[in-house]
Amino acid sequence: MSEVIATPLMSKPKLRWACRRGMLELDVLLAPFVEEGYDALSEQQKVDFERLLACDDPDLFAWFMGHNRSEDAAVQALIELIVNRVRV
C-alpha cells in the first residue's frame, strides 16, 4: 500500500517573497493576489499556485499577457482567475 505524503503549503511570508519576480508586470499581478485572493483558494488550487510560482518569468509573462497558454490546465485556470480579478 502506498502512502501519500502531503507537502506542507508555503507560509504567507514565503508566498509574498516568491511573488517578488524579476518583472514588475508580474509583481503587480501576483503580490495583490496573494494578499486578497489566495486565502479563498481550495487546498488543491493553493498547491497549483505554488507550482505556478515555480515557473520561469518569461513563461509567466507570456501566459498572463495572453501570448501563450500554459500546458498545465490547473495553472492556466489560476492565470485566468488572477487576470479576471484585475479586470474587475
Protein backbone atom coordinates (compact mmCIF):
# COMPACT_ATOMS: atom_id res chain seq x y z
CA MET A 1 0.00 0.00 0.00
CA SER A 2 1.48 3.36 -0.99
CA GLU A 3 1.16 6.26 1.39
CA VAL A 4 0.61 9.76 0.07
CA ILE A 5 2.74 12.31 1.87
CA ALA A 6 1.31 15.81 1.63
CA THR A 7 3.82 18.58 1.21
CA PRO A 8 3.03 21.50 3.53
CA LEU A 9 1.99 24.68 1.79
CA MET A 10 4.21 27.75 1.85
CA SER A 11 3.55 30.26 4.61
CA LYS A 12 2.17 33.68 3.66
CA PRO A 13 5.57 35.40 4.13
CA LYS A 14 7.23 32.84 1.84
CA LEU A 15 4.47 33.30 -0.74
CA ARG A 16 4.95 37.07 -0.62
CA TRP A 17 8.66 36.59 -1.21
CA ALA A 18 8.06 34.11 -4.07
CA CYS A 19 5.76 36.66 -5.74
CA ARG A 20 8.63 39.15 -5.98
CA ARG A 21 9.72 38.46 -9.52
CA GLY A 22 12.19 39.92 -11.98
CA MET A 23 9.41 41.71 -13.86
CA LEU A 24 7.28 44.50 -12.41
CA GLU A 25 4.34 43.33 -14.53
CA LEU A 26 4.33 40.01 -12.68
CA ASP A 27 4.79 41.64 -9.27
CA VAL A 28 1.73 43.81 -9.90
CA LEU A 29 -0.40 40.74 -10.64
CA LEU A 30 0.90 38.22 -8.13
CA ALA A 31 1.51 40.21 -4.95
CA PRO A 32 -2.01 41.65 -4.65
CA PHE A 33 -3.49 38.24 -5.43
CA VAL A 34 -1.63 36.66 -2.51
CA GLU A 35 -2.96 39.37 -0.20
CA GLU A 36 -6.54 39.49 -1.47
CA GLY A 37 -7.38 36.21 -3.21
CA TYR A 38 -5.09 33.41 -2.07
CA ASP A 39 -6.98 32.57 1.13
CA ALA A 40 -10.16 31.87 -0.86
CA LEU A 41 -8.47 29.17 -2.96
CA SER A 42 -9.11 25.49 -2.35
CA GLU A 43 -6.23 23.41 -0.97
CA GLN A 44 -5.60 21.99 -4.45
CA GLN A 45 -5.59 25.46 -6.00
CA LYS A 46 -3.04 26.55 -3.39
CA VAL A 47 -0.80 23.66 -4.42
CA ASP A 48 -1.31 24.64 -8.07
CA PHE A 49 -0.46 28.26 -7.23
CA GLU A 50 2.85 27.15 -5.75
CA ARG A 51 3.53 25.27 -9.00
CA LEU A 52 2.72 28.45 -10.91
CA LEU A 53 5.25 30.36 -8.78
CA ALA A 54 7.91 27.79 -9.70
CA CYS A 55 7.58 28.66 -13.41
CA ASP A 56 10.04 30.90 -15.21
CA ASP A 57 9.26 34.60 -15.53
CA PRO A 58 9.23 34.67 -19.36
CA ASP A 59 6.65 31.85 -19.39
CA LEU A 60 4.53 33.55 -16.74
CA PHE A 61 4.67 36.84 -18.61
CA ALA A 62 3.59 35.20 -21.88
CA TRP A 63 0.72 33.40 -20.15
CA PHE A 64 -0.53 36.44 -18.23
CA MET A 65 -0.32 38.67 -21.29
CA GLY A 66 -2.23 36.12 -23.36
CA HIS A 67 0.59 35.44 -25.82
CA ASN A 68 0.64 31.73 -24.91
CA ARG A 69 -1.27 29.30 -22.70
CA SER A 70 0.17 27.01 -20.08
CA GLU A 71 0.04 23.34 -20.99
CA ASP A 72 -0.91 22.66 -17.36
CA ALA A 73 -4.69 23.13 -17.20
CA ALA A 74 -4.68 23.87 -13.45
CA VAL A 75 -2.00 26.55 -13.83
CA GLN A 76 -3.87 28.06 -16.79
CA ALA A 77 -7.08 28.18 -14.73
CA LEU A 78 -5.26 30.11 -11.99
CA ILE A 79 -3.79 32.52 -14.54
CA GLU A 80 -7.28 33.22 -15.85
CA LEU A 81 -8.60 33.66 -12.30
CA ILE A 82 -5.85 36.17 -11.46
CA VAL A 83 -6.27 38.11 -14.73
CA ASN A 84 -10.05 38.27 -14.28
CA ARG A 85 -9.61 39.69 -10.76
CA VAL A 86 -7.54 42.52 -12.20
CA ARG A 87 -10.07 43.31 -14.93
CA VAL A 88 -12.93 43.89 -12.49
